[in-house]
Amino acid sequence: GSRCNLTVRYPSGISGSRQIYFTPTPISQEIESSPRSFHLVTAFDKDYRLEDHQIRLKMVDVFSGDETAPFFGFLGAAAALVFSCMGAAYGTAKSGVGVASMGVMRPELVMKSIVPVVMAGVLGIYGLIIAVIISTGINPKAKSYYLFDGYAHLSSGLACGLSGLSAGMAIGIVGDAGVRANAQQPKLFVGMILILIFAEALALYGLIVGIILSSRA
């Protein structure tokens, strides 16, 4: 086939250039120019003459992106929220078991020992932030969402989600053992908090990288 650049002027007055592939054929045959990666919206027929052949092209107002790209974008949004919430759930449950076990003998320390549960719950917020950023970046009206954008959003969601999952596991284990030890030796409280802060920082790193990656789309 042949390749050329075709400039189209729409009824609204907006013009755009499209690169099309075609094969000159007799007048009795019709060719539809619709690239595989384009999502068709509206179409109209137009006759063109090339040397001694006439071709009929069905020009379309297209979504100038890849039709599979939004799948990866939405997958990234789901991964960010799901994995972060998994980490938050594990951290909350694991720490909650330790708080409940310790509260039987030292009920006055229950509120003080609730810190690991709170820090684990924050992980879900990180995933929610990235999920909202990604979902708002997938705008079908913009007509320009390519595979690069989908991959960027997918990697952003995985970076934030898996970081939140690992941080939740660390917070849960430290919180469970920490609150039990704090009930027997109150001087361990500051050390436990410092360990929890460094565990929380893992999710923060994922959030920062996730924001940077999502901004590349």
C-alpha atoms as a PDB file:
ATOM      1  CA  GLY A   1       0.000   0.000   0.000  1.00  0.00           C
ATOM      2  CA  SER A   2       0.883   3.688  -0.035  1.00  0.00           C
ATOM      3  CA  ARG A   3       1.153   6.224   2.741  1.00  0.00           C
ATOM      4  CA  CYS A   4       0.386   9.929   2.784  1.00  0.00           C
ATOM      5  CA  ASN A   5      -0.579  12.762   5.095  1.00  0.00           C
ATOM      6  CA  LEU A   6      -4.180  13.904   4.685  1.00  0.00           C
ATOM      7  CA  THR A   7      -5.465  17.172   6.115  1.00  0.00           C
ATOM      8  CA  VAL A   8      -9.111  17.106   7.156  1.00  0.00           C
ATOM      9  CA  ARG A   9     -11.251  20.155   7.877  1.00  0.00           C
ATOM     10  CA  TYR A  10     -14.301  19.445  10.007  1.00  0.00           C
ATOM     11  CA  PRO A  11     -17.595  21.377   9.829  1.00  0.00           C
ATOM     12  CA  SER A  12     -16.647  23.184  13.040  1.00  0.00           C
ATOM     13  CA  GLY A  13     -13.689  24.766  11.244  1.00  0.00           C
ATOM     14  CA  ILE A  14     -11.061  22.736  13.092  1.00  0.00           C
ATOM     15  CA  SER A  15      -8.545  21.071  10.826  1.00  0.00           C
ATOM     16  CA  GLY A  16      -6.204  18.217  11.600  1.00  0.00           C
ATOM     17  CA  SER A  17      -3.636  16.135   9.811  1.00  0.00           C
ATOM     18  CA  ARG A  18      -3.948  12.367   9.654  1.00  0.00           C
ATOM     19  CA  GLN A  19      -1.409   9.896   8.304  1.00  0.00           C
ATOM     20  CA  ILE A  20      -3.280   7.230   6.355  1.00  0.00           C
ATOM     21  CA  TYR A  21      -2.417   4.008   4.557  1.00  0.00           C
ATOM     22  CA  PHE A  22      -4.270   3.150   1.378  1.00  0.00           C
ATOM     23  CA  THR A  23      -4.148   0.987  -1.728  1.00  0.00           C
ATOM     24  CA  PRO A  24      -5.348   2.432  -5.063  1.00  0.00           C
ATOM     25  CA  THR A  25      -8.274   0.331  -6.299  1.00  0.00           C
ATOM     26  CA  PRO A  26     -10.869   0.443  -9.061  1.00  0.00           C
ATOM     27  CA  ILE A  27     -13.891   2.622  -8.495  1.00  0.00           C
ATOM     28  CA  SER A  28     -16.080  -0.380  -7.724  1.00  0.00           C
ATOM     29  CA  GLN A  29     -14.156  -1.166  -4.536  1.00  0.00           C
ATOM     30  CA  GLU A  30     -14.220   0.763  -1.268  1.00  0.00           C
ATOM     31  CA  ILE A  31     -11.465   1.146   1.300  1.00  0.00           C
ATOM     32  CA  GLU A  32     -12.004   2.002   4.925  1.00  0.00           C
ATOM     33  CA  SER A  33      -9.067   3.734   6.588  1.00  0.00           C
ATOM     34  CA  SER A  34      -9.339   2.945  10.282  1.00  0.00           C
ATOM     35  CA  PRO A  35      -6.048   2.265  12.119  1.00  0.00           C
ATOM     36  CA  ARG A  36      -6.342  -0.574  14.609  1.00  0.00           C
ATOM     37  CA  SER A  37      -5.311   1.535  17.574  1.00  0.00           C
ATOM     38  CA  PHE A  38      -7.979   4.170  16.945  1.00  0.00           C
ATOM     39  CA  HIS A  39     -11.386   4.279  18.595  1.00  0.00           C
ATOM     40  CA  LEU A  40     -13.996   5.338  16.021  1.00  0.00           C
ATOM     41  CA  VAL A  41     -16.438   8.066  17.004  1.00  0.00           C
ATOM     42  CA  THR A  42     -18.040   9.544  13.876  1.00  0.00           C
ATOM     43  CA  ALA A  43     -17.450   8.824  10.209  1.00  0.00           C
ATOM     44  CA  PHE A  44     -18.137  10.372   6.835  1.00  0.00           C
ATOM     45  CA  ASP A  45     -17.323   9.298   3.270  1.00  0.00           C
ATOM     46  CA  LYS A  46     -15.177  11.263   0.864  1.00  0.00           C
ATOM     47  CA  ASP A  47     -13.964  10.544  -2.683  1.00  0.00           C
ATOM     48  CA  TYR A  48     -10.347  11.148  -3.654  1.00  0.00           C
ATOM     49  CA  ARG A  49      -8.636  10.672  -7.021  1.00  0.00           C
ATOM     50  CA  LEU A  50      -5.035   9.485  -7.289  1.00  0.00           C
ATOM     51  CA  GLU A  51      -3.624   9.441 -10.832  1.00  0.00           C
ATOM     52  CA  ASP A  52      -5.866   7.057 -12.795  1.00  0.00           C
ATOM     53  CA  HIS A  53      -7.494   5.407  -9.775  1.00  0.00           C
ATOM     54  CA  GLN A  54     -10.284   6.612  -7.562  1.00  0.00           C
ATOM     55  CA  ILE A  55     -10.372   5.640  -3.909  1.00  0.00           C
ATOM     56  CA  ARG A  56     -13.056   6.119  -1.307  1.00  0.00           C
ATOM     57  CA  LEU A  57     -11.846   6.747   2.217  1.00  0.00           C
ATOM     58  CA  LYS A  58     -14.055   6.675   5.260  1.00  0.00           C
ATOM     59  CA  MET A  59     -12.536   9.418   7.401  1.00  0.00           C
ATOM     60  CA  VAL A  60     -13.205   9.319  11.101  1.00  0.00           C
ATOM     61  CA  ASP A  61     -13.065  11.574  14.115  1.00  0.00           C
ATOM     62  CA  VAL A  62     -10.778   9.444  16.236  1.00  0.00           C
ATOM     63  CA  PHE A  63      -9.568   8.927  19.742  1.00  0.00           C
ATOM     64  CA  SER A  64      -5.886   9.548  18.961  1.00  0.00           C
ATOM     65  CA  GLY A  65      -4.518   7.029  21.395  1.00  0.00           C
ATOM     66  CA  ASP A  66      -4.486   3.310  22.006  1.00  0.00           C
ATOM     67  CA  GLU A  67      -7.750   1.635  22.918  1.00  0.00           C
ATOM     68  CA  THR A  68      -6.008  -0.690  25.394  1.00  0.00           C
ATOM     69  CA  ALA A  69      -4.158   2.075  27.244  1.00  0.00           C
ATOM     70  CA  PRO A  70      -6.990   2.965  29.678  1.00  0.00           C
ATOM     71  CA  PHE A  71      -7.001  -0.662  30.863  1.00  0.00           C
ATOM     72  CA  PHE A  72      -3.488  -0.278  32.252  1.00  0.00           C
ATOM     73  CA  GLY A  73      -4.327   3.105  33.735  1.00  0.00           C
ATOM     74  CA  PHE A  74      -7.357   1.863  35.629  1.00  0.00           C
ATOM     75  CA  LEU A  75      -5.411  -1.237  36.649  1.00  0.00           C
ATOM     76  CA  GLY A  76      -2.805   1.044  38.221  1.00  0.00           C
ATOM     77  CA  ALA A  77      -5.488   2.941  40.141  1.00  0.00           C
ATOM     78  CA  ALA A  78      -6.962  -0.310  41.436  1.00  0.00           C
ATOM     79  CA  ALA A  79      -3.531  -1.684  42.373  1.00  0.00           C
ATOM     80  CA  ALA A  80      -2.653   1.444  44.340  1.00  0.00           C
ATOM     81  CA  LEU A  81      -5.803   1.297  46.436  1.00  0.00           C
ATOM     82  CA  VAL A  82      -6.086  -2.478  46.852  1.00  0.00           C
ATOM     83  CA  PHE A  83      -2.489  -3.190  47.860  1.00  0.00           C
ATOM     84  CA  SER A  84      -2.336  -0.173  50.178  1.00  0.00           C
ATOM     85  CA  CYS A  85      -5.554  -1.242  51.874  1.00  0.00           C
ATOM     86  CA  MET A  86      -4.216  -4.778  52.194  1.00  0.00           C
ATOM     87  CA  GLY A  87      -1.191  -3.401  54.041  1.00  0.00           C
ATOM     88  CA  ALA A  88      -3.406  -1.195  56.187  1.00  0.00           C
ATOM     89  CA  ALA A  89      -5.700  -4.113  57.012  1.00  0.00           C
ATOM     90  CA  TYR A  90      -2.825  -6.404  57.979  1.00  0.00           C
ATOM     91  CA  GLY A  91      -1.151  -3.731  60.087  1.00  0.00           C
ATOM     92  CA  THR A  92      -4.400  -2.849  61.834  1.00  0.00           C
ATOM     93  CA  ALA A  93      -5.329  -6.465  62.546  1.00  0.00           C
ATOM     94  CA  LYS A  94      -1.871  -7.503  63.716  1.00  0.00           C
ATOM     95  CA  SER A  95      -1.451  -4.464  65.960  1.00  0.00           C
ATOM     96  CA  GLY A  96      -5.021  -4.782  67.207  1.00  0.00           C
ATOM     97  CA  VAL A  97      -4.363  -8.324  68.388  1.00  0.00           C
ATOM     98  CA  GLY A  98      -1.408  -7.088  70.420  1.00  0.00           C
ATOM     99  CA  VAL A  99      -3.408  -4.199  71.890  1.00  0.00           C
ATOM    100  CA  ALA A 100      -6.274  -6.496  72.865  1.00  0.00           C
ATOM    101  CA  SER A 101      -3.914  -9.001  74.469  1.00  0.00           C
ATOM    102  CA  MET A 102      -2.041  -6.303  76.368  1.00  0.00           C
ATOM    103  CA  GLY A 103      -5.213  -4.468  77.422  1.00  0.00           C
ATOM    104  CA  VAL A 104      -6.377  -7.391  79.527  1.00  0.00           C
ATOM    105  CA  MET A 105      -3.532  -6.872  82.005  1.00  0.00           C
ATOM    106  CA  ARG A 106      -2.857  -3.134  81.498  1.00  0.00           C
ATOM    107  CA  PRO A 107      -6.101  -1.448  80.381  1.00  0.00           C
ATOM    108  CA  GLU A 108      -4.718   2.008  81.211  1.00  0.00           C
ATOM    109  CA  LEU A 109      -2.210   1.679  78.333  1.00  0.00           C
ATOM    110  CA  VAL A 110      -4.741   0.856  75.615  1.00  0.00           C
ATOM    111  CA  MET A 111      -5.097   4.408  74.261  1.00  0.00           C
ATOM    112  CA  LYS A 112      -1.348   4.939  74.355  1.00  0.00           C
ATOM    113  CA  SER A 113      -0.790   1.689  72.471  1.00  0.00           C
ATOM    114  CA  ILE A 114      -3.243   2.538  69.704  1.00  0.00           C
ATOM    115  CA  VAL A 115      -0.513   4.412  67.764  1.00  0.00           C
ATOM    116  CA  PRO A 116       0.431   1.427  65.527  1.00  0.00           C
ATOM    117  CA  VAL A 117      -3.205   1.008  64.515  1.00  0.00           C
ATOM    118  CA  VAL A 118      -3.442   4.667  63.502  1.00  0.00           C
ATOM    119  CA  MET A 119      -0.199   4.536  61.529  1.00  0.00           C
ATOM    120  CA  ALA A 120      -1.380   1.426  59.706  1.00  0.00           C
ATOM    121  CA  GLY A 121      -4.649   3.097  58.774  1.00  0.00           C
ATOM    122  CA  VAL A 122      -2.817   5.997  57.120  1.00  0.00           C
ATOM    123  CA  LEU A 123      -1.454   3.604  54.479  1.00  0.00           C
ATOM    124  CA  GLY A 124      -4.869   3.314  52.875  1.00  0.00           C
ATOM    125  CA  ILE A 125      -4.968   7.094  52.424  1.00  0.00           C
ATOM    126  CA  TYR A 126      -1.742   6.977  50.411  1.00  0.00           C
ATOM    127  CA  GLY A 127      -3.281   4.478  48.028  1.00  0.00           C
ATOM    128  CA  LEU A 128      -6.469   6.527  47.810  1.00  0.00           C
ATOM    129  CA  ILE A 129      -4.496   9.631  46.818  1.00  0.00           C
ATOM    130  CA  ILE A 130      -2.688   7.863  43.978  1.00  0.00           C
ATOM    131  CA  ALA A 131      -5.884   6.152  42.811  1.00  0.00           C
ATOM    132  CA  VAL A 132      -7.680   9.500  42.575  1.00  0.00           C
ATOM    133  CA  ILE A 133      -4.755  11.118  40.727  1.00  0.00           C
ATOM    134  CA  ILE A 134      -4.630   8.280  38.200  1.00  0.00           C
ATOM    135  CA  SER A 135      -8.382   8.084  37.645  1.00  0.00           C
ATOM    136  CA  THR A 136      -8.664  11.824  37.035  1.00  0.00           C
ATOM    137  CA  GLY A 137      -5.809  11.591  34.533  1.00  0.00           C
ATOM    138  CA  ILE A 138      -7.771   9.146  32.368  1.00  0.00           C
ATOM    139  CA  ASN A 139     -10.061  11.568  30.563  1.00  0.00           C
ATOM    140  CA  PRO A 140     -11.840  10.169  27.479  1.00  0.00           C
ATOM    141  CA  LYS A 141     -12.722  13.677  26.310  1.00  0.00           C
ATOM    142  CA  ALA A 142      -9.048  14.598  26.006  1.00  0.00           C
ATOM    143  CA  LYS A 143      -8.652  12.087  23.121  1.00  0.00           C
ATOM    144  CA  SER A 144      -4.952  11.603  23.808  1.00  0.00           C
ATOM    145  CA  TYR A 145      -4.236   8.675  26.116  1.00  0.00           C
ATOM    146  CA  TYR A 146      -1.460   6.438  24.830  1.00  0.00           C
ATOM    147  CA  LEU A 147       0.192   3.236  26.041  1.00  0.00           C
ATOM    148  CA  PHE A 148       2.993   5.287  27.579  1.00  0.00           C
ATOM    149  CA  ASP A 149       0.431   7.014  29.803  1.00  0.00           C
ATOM    150  CA  GLY A 150      -1.163   3.702  30.734  1.00  0.00           C
ATOM    151  CA  TYR A 151       2.173   2.135  31.643  1.00  0.00           C
ATOM    152  CA  ALA A 152       3.140   5.217  33.676  1.00  0.00           C
ATOM    153  CA  HIS A 153      -0.097   5.040  35.652  1.00  0.00           C
ATOM    154  CA  LEU A 154       0.258   1.280  36.136  1.00  0.00           C
ATOM    155  CA  SER A 155       3.793   1.625  37.497  1.00  0.00           C
ATOM    156  CA  SER A 156       2.653   4.509  39.697  1.00  0.00           C
ATOM    157  CA  GLY A 157      -0.103   2.412  41.232  1.00  0.00           C
ATOM    158  CA  LEU A 158       2.140  -0.598  41.761  1.00  0.00           C
ATOM    159  CA  ALA A 159       4.889   1.518  43.350  1.00  0.00           C
ATOM    160  CA  CYS A 160       2.497   3.050  45.856  1.00  0.00           C
ATOM    161  CA  GLY A 161       0.418  -0.067  46.480  1.00  0.00           C
ATOM    162  CA  LEU A 162       3.239  -2.548  47.033  1.00  0.00           C
ATOM    163  CA  SER A 163       5.157  -0.055  49.177  1.00  0.00           C
ATOM    164  CA  GLY A 164       2.061   0.370  51.323  1.00  0.00           C
ATOM    165  CA  LEU A 165       1.661  -3.404  51.584  1.00  0.00           C
ATOM    166  CA  SER A 166       5.238  -3.881  52.784  1.00  0.00           C
ATOM    167  CA  ALA A 167       4.931  -0.984  55.222  1.00  0.00           C
ATOM    168  CA  GLY A 168       1.712  -2.437  56.623  1.00  0.00           C
ATOM    169  CA  MET A 169       3.360  -5.789  57.246  1.00  0.00           C
ATOM    170  CA  ALA A 170       6.238  -4.089  59.074  1.00  0.00           C
ATOM    171  CA  ILE A 171       3.923  -1.915  61.153  1.00  0.00           C
ATOM    172  CA  GLY A 172       1.752  -4.878  62.099  1.00  0.00           C
ATOM    173  CA  ILE A 173       4.637  -7.040  63.291  1.00  0.00           C
ATOM    174  CA  VAL A 174       6.354  -4.204  65.166  1.00  0.00           C
ATOM    175  CA  GLY A 175       3.085  -2.996  66.655  1.00  0.00           C
ATOM    176  CA  ASP A 176       2.092  -6.435  67.909  1.00  0.00           C
ATOM    177  CA  ALA A 177       5.393  -7.112  69.647  1.00  0.00           C
ATOM    178  CA  GLY A 178       5.924  -3.484  70.651  1.00  0.00           C
ATOM    179  CA  VAL A 179       2.721  -2.942  72.600  1.00  0.00           C
ATOM    180  CA  ARG A 180       3.216  -6.211  74.478  1.00  0.00           C
ATOM    181  CA  ALA A 181       6.765  -5.236  75.406  1.00  0.00           C
ATOM    182  CA  ASN A 182       5.677  -1.700  76.312  1.00  0.00           C
ATOM    183  CA  ALA A 183       3.211  -3.102  78.825  1.00  0.00           C
ATOM    184  CA  GLN A 184       6.103  -4.751  80.678  1.00  0.00           C
ATOM    185  CA  GLN A 185       8.705  -2.018  80.141  1.00  0.00           C
ATOM    186  CA  PRO A 186       7.306   1.501  79.500  1.00  0.00           C
ATOM    187  CA  LYS A 187      10.753   2.806  78.508  1.00  0.00           C
ATOM    188  CA  LEU A 188      10.420   0.914  75.221  1.00  0.00           C
ATOM    189  CA  PHE A 189       7.634   3.202  74.002  1.00  0.00           C
ATOM    190  CA  VAL A 190       9.885   5.795  72.321  1.00  0.00           C
ATOM    191  CA  GLY A 191      11.905   3.104  70.583  1.00  0.00           C
ATOM    192  CA  MET A 192       8.741   1.455  69.317  1.00  0.00           C
ATOM    193  CA  ILE A 193       7.497   4.757  67.887  1.00  0.00           C
ATOM    194  CA  LEU A 194      10.795   5.344  66.065  1.00  0.00           C
ATOM    195  CA  ILE A 195      10.634   1.896  64.489  1.00  0.00           C
ATOM    196  CA  LEU A 196       7.061   2.538  63.397  1.00  0.00           C
ATOM    197  CA  ILE A 197       8.071   5.864  61.832  1.00  0.00           C
ATOM    198  CA  PHE A 198      10.758   4.222  59.728  1.00  0.00           C
ATOM    199  CA  ALA A 199       8.291   1.521  58.686  1.00  0.00           C
ATOM    200  CA  GLU A 200       5.768   4.193  57.692  1.00  0.00           C
ATOM    201  CA  ALA A 201       8.454   5.929  55.630  1.00  0.00           C
ATOM    202  CA  LEU A 202       8.481   2.959  53.249  1.00  0.00           C
ATOM    203  CA  ALA A 203       4.941   3.770  52.166  1.00  0.00           C
ATOM    204  CA  LEU A 204       5.820   7.455  51.929  1.00  0.00           C
ATOM    205  CA  TYR A 205       8.604   6.641  49.481  1.00  0.00           C
ATOM    206  CA  GLY A 206       6.121   4.751  47.335  1.00  0.00           C
ATOM    207  CA  LEU A 207       3.693   7.679  47.471  1.00  0.00           C
ATOM    208  CA  ILE A 208       6.364  10.132  46.296  1.00  0.00           C
ATOM    209  CA  VAL A 209       7.482   7.904  43.432  1.00  0.00           C
ATOM    210  CA  GLY A 210       3.859   7.221  42.517  1.00  0.00           C
ATOM    211  CA  ILE A 211       3.110  10.938  42.238  1.00  0.00           C
ATOM    212  CA  ILE A 212       6.209  11.482  40.095  1.00  0.00           C
ATOM    213  CA  LEU A 213       5.333   8.599  37.765  1.00  0.00           C
ATOM    214  CA  SER A 214       1.703   9.641  37.417  1.00  0.00           C
ATOM    215  CA  SER A 215       2.798  13.165  36.503  1.00  0.00           C
ATOM    216  CA  ARG A 216       4.796  11.738  33.578  1.00  0.00           C
ATOM    217  CA  ALA A 217       1.607  10.585  31.873  1.00  0.00           C
END
